[in-house]
Amino acid sequence: MSVYVDEGFRPCVTECATVAFRVCCDDRAQIFEVSAEALMEFCGAASNRKQDLLVAFEDAQDEILSVAAQRWKFVPTESVRLGLDEFRMVRH
């Protein structure tokens, strides 16, 4: 299963303090959101400021993709939220 971040959809910070991004797997795409808490605890974000979250997302993209691959559920109309619990399950 080839999983990668869709370069045509720029990661962005949402109103809920998550970074939203689109992941492609084979011929399907799914929106994921990583919580600010997960980015700060597991990905090295300095704060929950927009710029810090985006930098941490870019720096930890491979790790985030591995968590997304574990949580892959193709539901095109809903985003999949990746929070502290999802990162803890994958990292332990």
PDB file of N, CA and C in Angstrom:
ATOM      1  N   MET A   1       0.846  -1.166   0.000  1.00  0.00           N
ATOM      2  CA  MET A   1       0.000   0.000   0.000  1.00  0.00           C
ATOM      3  C   MET A   1       0.896   1.235   0.000  1.00  0.00           C
ATOM      4  N   SER A   2       0.818   2.029  -1.030  1.00  0.00           N
ATOM      5  CA  SER A   2       1.603   3.246  -1.160  1.00  0.00           C
ATOM      6  C   SER A   2       0.802   4.431  -0.618  1.00  0.00           C
ATOM      7  N   VAL A   3       1.302   5.018   0.465  1.00  0.00           N
ATOM      8  CA  VAL A   3       0.615   6.133   1.121  1.00  0.00           C
ATOM      9  C   VAL A   3       1.505   7.362   1.027  1.00  0.00           C
ATOM     10  N   TYR A   4       0.930   8.489   0.573  1.00  0.00           N
ATOM     11  CA  TYR A   4       1.712   9.719   0.460  1.00  0.00           C
ATOM     12  C   TYR A   4       0.803  10.929   0.607  1.00  0.00           C
ATOM     13  N   VAL A   5       1.391  12.057   0.994  1.00  0.00           N
ATOM     14  CA  VAL A   5       0.642  13.310   1.119  1.00  0.00           C
ATOM     15  C   VAL A   5       0.425  13.870  -0.281  1.00  0.00           C
ATOM     16  N   ASP A   6      -0.805  14.225  -0.572  1.00  0.00           N
ATOM     17  CA  ASP A   6      -1.174  14.793  -1.871  1.00  0.00           C
ATOM     18  C   ASP A   6      -0.618  16.218  -1.971  1.00  0.00           C
ATOM     19  N   GLU A   7       0.302  16.427  -2.875  1.00  0.00           N
ATOM     20  CA  GLU A   7       0.940  17.749  -3.032  1.00  0.00           C
ATOM     21  C   GLU A   7      -0.016  18.795  -3.599  1.00  0.00           C
ATOM     22  N   GLY A   8      -1.137  18.360  -4.177  1.00  0.00           N
ATOM     23  CA  GLY A   8      -2.112  19.292  -4.739  1.00  0.00           C
ATOM     24  C   GLY A   8      -3.013  19.920  -3.683  1.00  0.00           C
ATOM     25  N   PHE A   9      -2.927  19.459  -2.451  1.00  0.00           N
ATOM     26  CA  PHE A   9      -3.735  19.966  -1.345  1.00  0.00           C
ATOM     27  C   PHE A   9      -2.773  20.396  -0.250  1.00  0.00           C
ATOM     28  N   ARG A  10      -2.521  21.686  -0.161  1.00  0.00           N
ATOM     29  CA  ARG A  10      -1.551  22.185   0.821  1.00  0.00           C
ATOM     30  C   ARG A  10      -2.065  21.986   2.235  1.00  0.00           C
ATOM     31  N   PRO A  11      -1.234  21.453   3.137  1.00  0.00           N
ATOM     32  CA  PRO A  11      -1.639  21.328   4.533  1.00  0.00           C
ATOM     33  C   PRO A  11      -2.002  22.703   5.090  1.00  0.00           C
ATOM     34  N   CYS A  12      -3.052  22.759   5.884  1.00  0.00           N
ATOM     35  CA  CYS A  12      -3.492  24.031   6.451  1.00  0.00           C
ATOM     36  C   CYS A  12      -3.951  23.838   7.885  1.00  0.00           C
ATOM     37  N   VAL A  13      -3.879  24.910   8.653  1.00  0.00           N
ATOM     38  CA  VAL A  13      -4.339  24.883  10.041  1.00  0.00           C
ATOM     39  C   VAL A  13      -5.818  25.248  10.043  1.00  0.00           C
ATOM     40  N   THR A  14      -6.619  24.411  10.704  1.00  0.00           N
ATOM     41  CA  THR A  14      -8.063  24.630  10.749  1.00  0.00           C
ATOM     42  C   THR A  14      -8.447  25.485  11.948  1.00  0.00           C
ATOM     43  N   GLU A  15      -9.716  25.846  12.032  1.00  0.00           N
ATOM     44  CA  GLU A  15     -10.227  26.608  13.170  1.00  0.00           C
ATOM     45  C   GLU A  15     -10.128  25.814  14.465  1.00  0.00           C
ATOM     46  N   CYS A  16     -10.084  24.498  14.362  1.00  0.00           N
ATOM     47  CA  CYS A  16     -10.030  23.628  15.551  1.00  0.00           C
ATOM     48  C   CYS A  16      -8.600  23.339  15.991  1.00  0.00           C
ATOM     49  N   ALA A  17      -7.628  24.094  15.502  1.00  0.00           N
ATOM     50  CA  ALA A  17      -6.209  23.918  15.844  1.00  0.00           C
ATOM     51  C   ALA A  17      -5.708  22.537  15.446  1.00  0.00           C
ATOM     52  N   THR A  18      -6.048  22.129  14.253  1.00  0.00           N
ATOM     53  CA  THR A  18      -5.491  20.904  13.673  1.00  0.00           C
ATOM     54  C   THR A  18      -4.842  21.267  12.353  1.00  0.00           C
ATOM     55  N   VAL A  19      -3.954  20.406  11.882  1.00  0.00           N
ATOM     56  CA  VAL A  19      -3.401  20.576  10.541  1.00  0.00           C
ATOM     57  C   VAL A  19      -4.110  19.562   9.659  1.00  0.00           C
ATOM     58  N   ALA A  20      -4.825  20.064   8.677  1.00  0.00           N
ATOM     59  CA  ALA A  20      -5.556  19.218   7.736  1.00  0.00           C
ATOM     60  C   ALA A  20      -4.678  18.973   6.513  1.00  0.00           C
ATOM     61  N   PHE A  21      -4.700  17.741   6.024  1.00  0.00           N
ATOM     62  CA  PHE A  21      -3.933  17.384   4.831  1.00  0.00           C
ATOM     63  C   PHE A  21      -4.615  16.210   4.156  1.00  0.00           C
ATOM     64  N   ARG A  22      -4.317  16.005   2.881  1.00  0.00           N
ATOM     65  CA  ARG A  22      -4.926  14.906   2.137  1.00  0.00           C
ATOM     66  C   ARG A  22      -3.886  13.843   1.862  1.00  0.00           C
ATOM     67  N   VAL A  23      -4.253  12.610   2.148  1.00  0.00           N
ATOM     68  CA  VAL A  23      -3.380  11.459   1.936  1.00  0.00           C
ATOM     69  C   VAL A  23      -3.944  10.640   0.786  1.00  0.00           C
ATOM     70  N   CYS A  24      -3.068  10.213  -0.092  1.00  0.00           N
ATOM     71  CA  CYS A  24      -3.465   9.347  -1.201  1.00  0.00           C
ATOM     72  C   CYS A  24      -2.976   7.933  -0.928  1.00  0.00           C
ATOM     73  N   CYS A  25      -3.798   6.991  -1.276  1.00  0.00           N
ATOM     74  CA  CYS A  25      -3.464   5.582  -1.146  1.00  0.00           C
ATOM     75  C   CYS A  25      -4.016   4.889  -2.391  1.00  0.00           C
ATOM     76  N   ASP A  26      -3.103   4.372  -3.199  1.00  0.00           N
ATOM     77  CA  ASP A  26      -3.493   3.780  -4.479  1.00  0.00           C
ATOM     78  C   ASP A  26      -4.263   4.832  -5.279  1.00  0.00           C
ATOM     79  N   ASP A  27      -5.543   4.624  -5.562  1.00  0.00           N
ATOM     80  CA  ASP A  27      -6.284   5.597  -6.361  1.00  0.00           C
ATOM     81  C   ASP A  27      -7.321   6.358  -5.538  1.00  0.00           C
ATOM     82  N   ARG A  28      -7.189   6.334  -4.211  1.00  0.00           N
ATOM     83  CA  ARG A  28      -8.141   7.005  -3.331  1.00  0.00           C
ATOM     84  C   ARG A  28      -7.447   8.092  -2.517  1.00  0.00           C
ATOM     85  N   ALA A  29      -8.235   9.068  -2.080  1.00  0.00           N
ATOM     86  CA  ALA A  29      -7.697  10.150  -1.247  1.00  0.00           C
ATOM     87  C   ALA A  29      -8.593  10.331  -0.030  1.00  0.00           C
ATOM     88  N   GLN A  30      -7.968  10.640   1.095  1.00  0.00           N
ATOM     89  CA  GLN A  30      -8.700  10.832   2.347  1.00  0.00           C
ATOM     90  C   GLN A  30      -8.114  12.041   3.067  1.00  0.00           C
ATOM     91  N   ILE A  31      -8.970  12.873   3.648  1.00  0.00           N
ATOM     92  CA  ILE A  31      -8.527  14.016   4.439  1.00  0.00           C
ATOM     93  C   ILE A  31      -8.250  13.542   5.862  1.00  0.00           C
ATOM     94  N   PHE A  32      -7.114  13.959   6.404  1.00  0.00           N
ATOM     95  CA  PHE A  32      -6.744  13.690   7.791  1.00  0.00           C
ATOM     96  C   PHE A  32      -6.513  15.011   8.490  1.00  0.00           C
ATOM     97  N   GLU A  33      -6.668  15.025   9.800  1.00  0.00           N
ATOM     98  CA  GLU A  33      -6.347  16.182  10.619  1.00  0.00           C
ATOM     99  C   GLU A  33      -5.511  15.719  11.798  1.00  0.00           C
ATOM    100  N   VAL A  34      -4.375  16.383  12.026  1.00  0.00           N
ATOM    101  CA  VAL A  34      -3.526  16.084  13.174  1.00  0.00           C
ATOM    102  C   VAL A  34      -3.752  17.177  14.209  1.00  0.00           C
ATOM    103  N   SER A  35      -4.027  16.780  15.435  1.00  0.00           N
ATOM    104  CA  SER A  35      -4.297  17.761  16.488  1.00  0.00           C
ATOM    105  C   SER A  35      -3.027  18.523  16.859  1.00  0.00           C
ATOM    106  N   ALA A  36      -3.223  19.735  17.345  1.00  0.00           N
ATOM    107  CA  ALA A  36      -2.091  20.550  17.807  1.00  0.00           C
ATOM    108  C   ALA A  36      -1.370  19.850  18.949  1.00  0.00           C
ATOM    109  N   GLU A  37      -2.120  19.184  19.820  1.00  0.00           N
ATOM    110  CA  GLU A  37      -1.511  18.481  20.945  1.00  0.00           C
ATOM    111  C   GLU A  37      -0.571  17.388  20.466  1.00  0.00           C
ATOM    112  N   ALA A  38      -0.999  16.621  19.478  1.00  0.00           N
ATOM    113  CA  ALA A  38      -0.146  15.551  18.936  1.00  0.00           C
ATOM    114  C   ALA A  38       1.088  16.139  18.258  1.00  0.00           C
ATOM    115  N   LEU A  39       0.917  17.242  17.549  1.00  0.00           N
ATOM    116  CA  LEU A  39       2.059  17.870  16.890  1.00  0.00           C
ATOM    117  C   LEU A  39       3.061  18.413  17.907  1.00  0.00           C
ATOM    118  N   MET A  40       2.577  18.919  19.026  1.00  0.00           N
ATOM    119  CA  MET A  40       3.487  19.442  20.039  1.00  0.00           C
ATOM    120  C   MET A  40       4.175  18.312  20.802  1.00  0.00           C
ATOM    121  N   GLU A  41       3.437  17.259  21.156  1.00  0.00           N
ATOM    122  CA  GLU A  41       4.013  16.189  21.967  1.00  0.00           C
ATOM    123  C   GLU A  41       4.876  15.224  21.157  1.00  0.00           C
ATOM    124  N   PHE A  42       4.454  14.869  19.955  1.00  0.00           N
ATOM    125  CA  PHE A  42       5.154  13.836  19.203  1.00  0.00           C
ATOM    126  C   PHE A  42       5.971  14.340  18.021  1.00  0.00           C
ATOM    127  N   CYS A  43       5.696  15.557  17.569  1.00  0.00           N
ATOM    128  CA  CYS A  43       6.347  16.030  16.349  1.00  0.00           C
ATOM    129  C   CYS A  43       7.203  17.274  16.552  1.00  0.00           C
ATOM    130  N   GLY A  44       7.331  17.733  17.779  1.00  0.00           N
ATOM    131  CA  GLY A  44       8.247  18.822  18.077  1.00  0.00           C
ATOM    132  C   GLY A  44       7.761  20.225  17.790  1.00  0.00           C
ATOM    133  N   ALA A  45       6.445  20.426  17.678  1.00  0.00           N
ATOM    134  CA  ALA A  45       5.939  21.788  17.475  1.00  0.00           C
ATOM    135  C   ALA A  45       6.245  22.621  18.721  1.00  0.00           C
ATOM    136  N   ALA A  46       6.774  23.814  18.527  1.00  0.00           N
ATOM    137  CA  ALA A  46       7.160  24.683  19.638  1.00  0.00           C
ATOM    138  C   ALA A  46       5.945  25.252  20.373  1.00  0.00           C
ATOM    139  N   SER A  47       4.851  25.443  19.652  1.00  0.00           N
ATOM    140  CA  SER A  47       3.625  25.988  20.245  1.00  0.00           C
ATOM    141  C   SER A  47       2.456  25.612  19.342  1.00  0.00           C
ATOM    142  N   ASN A  48       1.265  26.075  19.702  1.00  0.00           N
ATOM    143  CA  ASN A  48       0.117  25.806  18.842  1.00  0.00           C
ATOM    144  C   ASN A  48      -0.149  26.940  17.850  1.00  0.00           C
ATOM    145  N   ARG A  49       0.838  27.793  17.650  1.00  0.00           N
ATOM    146  CA  ARG A  49       0.728  28.833  16.623  1.00  0.00           C
ATOM    147  C   ARG A  49       0.749  28.185  15.242  1.00  0.00           C
ATOM    148  N   LYS A  50       0.061  28.800  14.317  1.00  0.00           N
ATOM    149  CA  LYS A  50      -0.085  28.267  12.960  1.00  0.00           C
ATOM    150  C   LYS A  50       1.260  27.893  12.334  1.00  0.00           C
ATOM    151  N   GLN A  51       2.205  28.797  12.364  1.00  0.00           N
ATOM    152  CA  GLN A  51       3.507  28.549  11.722  1.00  0.00           C
ATOM    153  C   GLN A  51       4.250  27.390  12.387  1.00  0.00           C
ATOM    154  N   ASP A  52       4.222  27.323  13.716  1.00  0.00           N
ATOM    155  CA  ASP A  52       4.895  26.235  14.433  1.00  0.00           C
ATOM    156  C   ASP A  52       4.273  24.883  14.097  1.00  0.00           C
ATOM    157  N   LEU A  53       2.942  24.840  13.982  1.00  0.00           N
ATOM    158  CA  LEU A  53       2.265  23.587  13.643  1.00  0.00           C
ATOM    159  C   LEU A  53       2.625  23.124  12.236  1.00  0.00           C
ATOM    160  N   LEU A  54       2.646  24.061  11.289  1.00  0.00           N
ATOM    161  CA  LEU A  54       2.972  23.693   9.910  1.00  0.00           C
ATOM    162  C   LEU A  54       4.419  23.226   9.764  1.00  0.00           C
ATOM    163  N   VAL A  55       5.347  23.881  10.474  1.00  0.00           N
ATOM    164  CA  VAL A  55       6.751  23.470  10.422  1.00  0.00           C
ATOM    165  C   VAL A  55       6.912  22.070  11.007  1.00  0.00           C
ATOM    166  N   ALA A  56       6.268  21.819  12.142  1.00  0.00           N
ATOM    167  CA  ALA A  56       6.343  20.485  12.758  1.00  0.00           C
ATOM    168  C   ALA A  56       5.731  19.432  11.851  1.00  0.00           C
ATOM    169  N   PHE A  57       4.634  19.769  11.182  1.00  0.00           N
ATOM    170  CA  PHE A  57       4.004  18.834  10.253  1.00  0.00           C
ATOM    171  C   PHE A  57       4.976  18.464   9.131  1.00  0.00           C
ATOM    172  N   GLU A  58       5.593  19.457   8.540  1.00  0.00           N
ATOM    173  CA  GLU A  58       6.541  19.202   7.450  1.00  0.00           C
ATOM    174  C   GLU A  58       7.725  18.362   7.927  1.00  0.00           C
ATOM    175  N   ASP A  59       8.248  18.672   9.102  1.00  0.00           N
ATOM    176  CA  ASP A  59       9.418  17.959   9.629  1.00  0.00           C
ATOM    177  C   ASP A  59       9.107  16.508   9.987  1.00  0.00           C
ATOM    178  N   ALA A  60       7.878  16.234  10.403  1.00  0.00           N
ATOM    179  CA  ALA A  60       7.518  14.890  10.865  1.00  0.00           C
ATOM    180  C   ALA A  60       6.569  14.174   9.903  1.00  0.00           C
ATOM    181  N   GLN A  61       6.609  14.565   8.652  1.00  0.00           N
ATOM    182  CA  GLN A  61       5.663  14.028   7.683  1.00  0.00           C
ATOM    183  C   GLN A  61       5.708  12.503   7.559  1.00  0.00           C
ATOM    184  N   ASP A  62       6.880  11.899   7.594  1.00  0.00           N
ATOM    185  CA  ASP A  62       6.982  10.441   7.475  1.00  0.00           C
ATOM    186  C   ASP A  62       6.305   9.750   8.658  1.00  0.00           C
ATOM    187  N   GLU A  63       6.550  10.257   9.860  1.00  0.00           N
ATOM    188  CA  GLU A  63       5.929   9.672  11.051  1.00  0.00           C
ATOM    189  C   GLU A  63       4.414   9.848  11.013  1.00  0.00           C
ATOM    190  N   ILE A  64       3.966  11.019  10.599  1.00  0.00           N
ATOM    191  CA  ILE A  64       2.532  11.284  10.510  1.00  0.00           C
ATOM    192  C   ILE A  64       1.887  10.358   9.485  1.00  0.00           C
ATOM    193  N   LEU A  65       2.565  10.130   8.369  1.00  0.00           N
ATOM    194  CA  LEU A  65       2.029   9.207   7.362  1.00  0.00           C
ATOM    195  C   LEU A  65       1.933   7.784   7.891  1.00  0.00           C
ATOM    196  N   SER A  66       2.874   7.370   8.716  1.00  0.00           N
ATOM    197  CA  SER A  66       2.799   6.015   9.270  1.00  0.00           C
ATOM    198  C   SER A  66       1.597   5.884  10.198  1.00  0.00           C
ATOM    199  N   VAL A  67       1.279   6.938  10.959  1.00  0.00           N
ATOM    200  CA  VAL A  67       0.091   6.918  11.811  1.00  0.00           C
ATOM    201  C   VAL A  67      -1.162   6.927  10.935  1.00  0.00           C
ATOM    202  N   ALA A  68      -1.167   7.756   9.903  1.00  0.00           N
ATOM    203  CA  ALA A  68      -2.323   7.824   8.995  1.00  0.00           C
ATOM    204  C   ALA A  68      -2.567   6.474   8.326  1.00  0.00           C
ATOM    205  N   ALA A  69      -1.516   5.787   7.932  1.00  0.00           N
ATOM    206  CA  ALA A  69      -1.673   4.483   7.284  1.00  0.00           C
ATOM    207  C   ALA A  69      -2.323   3.483   8.235  1.00  0.00           C
ATOM    208  N   GLN A  70      -2.002   3.566   9.524  1.00  0.00           N
ATOM    209  CA  GLN A  70      -2.608   2.673  10.515  1.00  0.00           C
ATOM    210  C   GLN A  70      -4.087   2.995  10.749  1.00  0.00           C
ATOM    211  N   ARG A  71      -4.445   4.248  10.571  1.00  0.00           N
ATOM    212  CA  ARG A  71      -5.821   4.696  10.821  1.00  0.00           C
ATOM    213  C   ARG A  71      -6.641   4.842   9.547  1.00  0.00           C
ATOM    214  N   TRP A  72      -6.141   4.357   8.417  1.00  0.00           N
ATOM    215  CA  TRP A  72      -6.801   4.546   7.123  1.00  0.00           C
ATOM    216  C   TRP A  72      -8.192   3.922   7.136  1.00  0.00           C
ATOM    217  N   LYS A  73      -9.188   4.743   6.923  1.00  0.00           N
ATOM    218  CA  LYS A  73     -10.572   4.311   6.715  1.00  0.00           C
ATOM    219  C   LYS A  73     -11.095   5.194   5.602  1.00  0.00           C
ATOM    220  N   PHE A  74     -11.351   4.620   4.470  1.00  0.00           N
ATOM    221  CA  PHE A  74     -11.768   5.447   3.337  1.00  0.00           C
ATOM    222  C   PHE A  74     -13.218   5.865   3.489  1.00  0.00           C
ATOM    223  N   VAL A  75     -13.406   7.109   3.899  1.00  0.00           N
ATOM    224  CA  VAL A  75     -14.715   7.741   3.979  1.00  0.00           C
ATOM    225  C   VAL A  75     -14.538   9.123   3.359  1.00  0.00           C
ATOM    226  N   PRO A  76     -14.825   9.253   2.084  1.00  0.00           N
ATOM    227  CA  PRO A  76     -14.476  10.496   1.375  1.00  0.00           C
ATOM    228  C   PRO A  76     -15.148  11.759   1.899  1.00  0.00           C
ATOM    229  N   THR A  77     -16.244  11.639   2.635  1.00  0.00           N
ATOM    230  CA  THR A  77     -16.937  12.840   3.093  1.00  0.00           C
ATOM    231  C   THR A  77     -16.545  13.272   4.497  1.00  0.00           C
ATOM    232  N   GLU A  78     -15.728  12.494   5.201  1.00  0.00           N
ATOM    233  CA  GLU A  78     -15.329  12.834   6.565  1.00  0.00           C
ATOM    234  C   GLU A  78     -13.817  12.812   6.698  1.00  0.00           C
ATOM    235  N   SER A  79     -13.294  13.701   7.527  1.00  0.00           N
ATOM    236  CA  SER A  79     -11.855  13.666   7.781  1.00  0.00           C
ATOM    237  C   SER A  79     -11.579  12.713   8.941  1.00  0.00           C
ATOM    238  N   VAL A  80     -10.375  12.162   8.970  1.00  0.00           N
ATOM    239  CA  VAL A  80      -9.946  11.264  10.037  1.00  0.00           C
ATOM    240  C   VAL A  80      -9.048  12.068  10.960  1.00  0.00           C
ATOM    241  N   ARG A  81      -9.405  12.132  12.225  1.00  0.00           N
ATOM    242  CA  ARG A  81      -8.633  12.922  13.189  1.00  0.00           C
ATOM    243  C   ARG A  81      -7.551  12.050  13.835  1.00  0.00           C
ATOM    244  N   LEU A  82      -6.346  12.563  13.850  1.00  0.00           N
ATOM    245  CA  LEU A  82      -5.219  11.894  14.488  1.00  0.00           C
ATOM    246  C   LEU A  82      -4.831  12.712  15.712  1.00  0.00           C
ATOM    247  N   GLY A  83      -5.084  12.158  16.879  1.00  0.00           N
ATOM    248  CA  GLY A  83      -4.786  12.847  18.124  1.00  0.00           C
ATOM    249  C   GLY A  83      -3.713  12.130  18.916  1.00  0.00           C
ATOM    250  N   LEU A  84      -3.601  12.482  20.171  1.00  0.00           N
ATOM    251  CA  LEU A  84      -2.582  11.887  21.036  1.00  0.00           C
ATOM    252  C   LEU A  84      -2.719  10.372  21.120  1.00  0.00           C
ATOM    253  N   ASP A  85      -3.940   9.868  21.234  1.00  0.00           N
ATOM    254  CA  ASP A  85      -4.139   8.424  21.381  1.00  0.00           C
ATOM    255  C   ASP A  85      -3.649   7.644  20.159  1.00  0.00           C
ATOM    256  N   GLU A  86      -3.893   8.172  18.974  1.00  0.00           N
ATOM    257  CA  GLU A  86      -3.450   7.481  17.755  1.00  0.00           C
ATOM    258  C   GLU A  86      -1.928   7.429  17.667  1.00  0.00           C
ATOM    259  N   PHE A  87      -1.271   8.506  18.044  1.00  0.00           N
ATOM    260  CA  PHE A  87       0.193   8.509  18.025  1.00  0.00           C
ATOM    261  C   PHE A  87       0.754   7.579  19.083  1.00  0.00           C
ATOM    262  N   ARG A  88       0.129   7.545  20.260  1.00  0.00           N
ATOM    263  CA  ARG A  88       0.590   6.648  21.326  1.00  0.00           C
ATOM    264  C   ARG A  88       0.484   5.179  20.895  1.00  0.00           C
ATOM    265  N   MET A  89      -0.636   4.825  20.238  1.00  0.00           N
ATOM    266  CA  MET A  89      -0.833   3.431  19.808  1.00  0.00           C
ATOM    267  C   MET A  89       0.226   3.010  18.800  1.00  0.00           C
ATOM    268  N   VAL A  90       0.548   3.869  17.866  1.00  0.00           N
ATOM    269  CA  VAL A  90       1.508   3.523  16.810  1.00  0.00           C
ATOM    270  C   VAL A  90       2.932   3.521  17.341  1.00  0.00           C
ATOM    271  N   ARG A  91       3.255   4.432  18.233  1.00  0.00           N
ATOM    272  CA  ARG A  91       4.632   4.551  18.717  1.00  0.00           C
ATOM    273  C   ARG A  91       4.984   3.548  19.792  1.00  0.00           C
ATOM    274  N   HIS A  92       3.993   2.900  20.414  1.00  0.00           N
ATOM    275  CA  HIS A  92       4.284   1.943  21.487  1.00  0.00           C
ATOM    276  C   HIS A  92       4.035   0.533  21.063  1.00  0.00           C
TER     277      HIS A  92
END
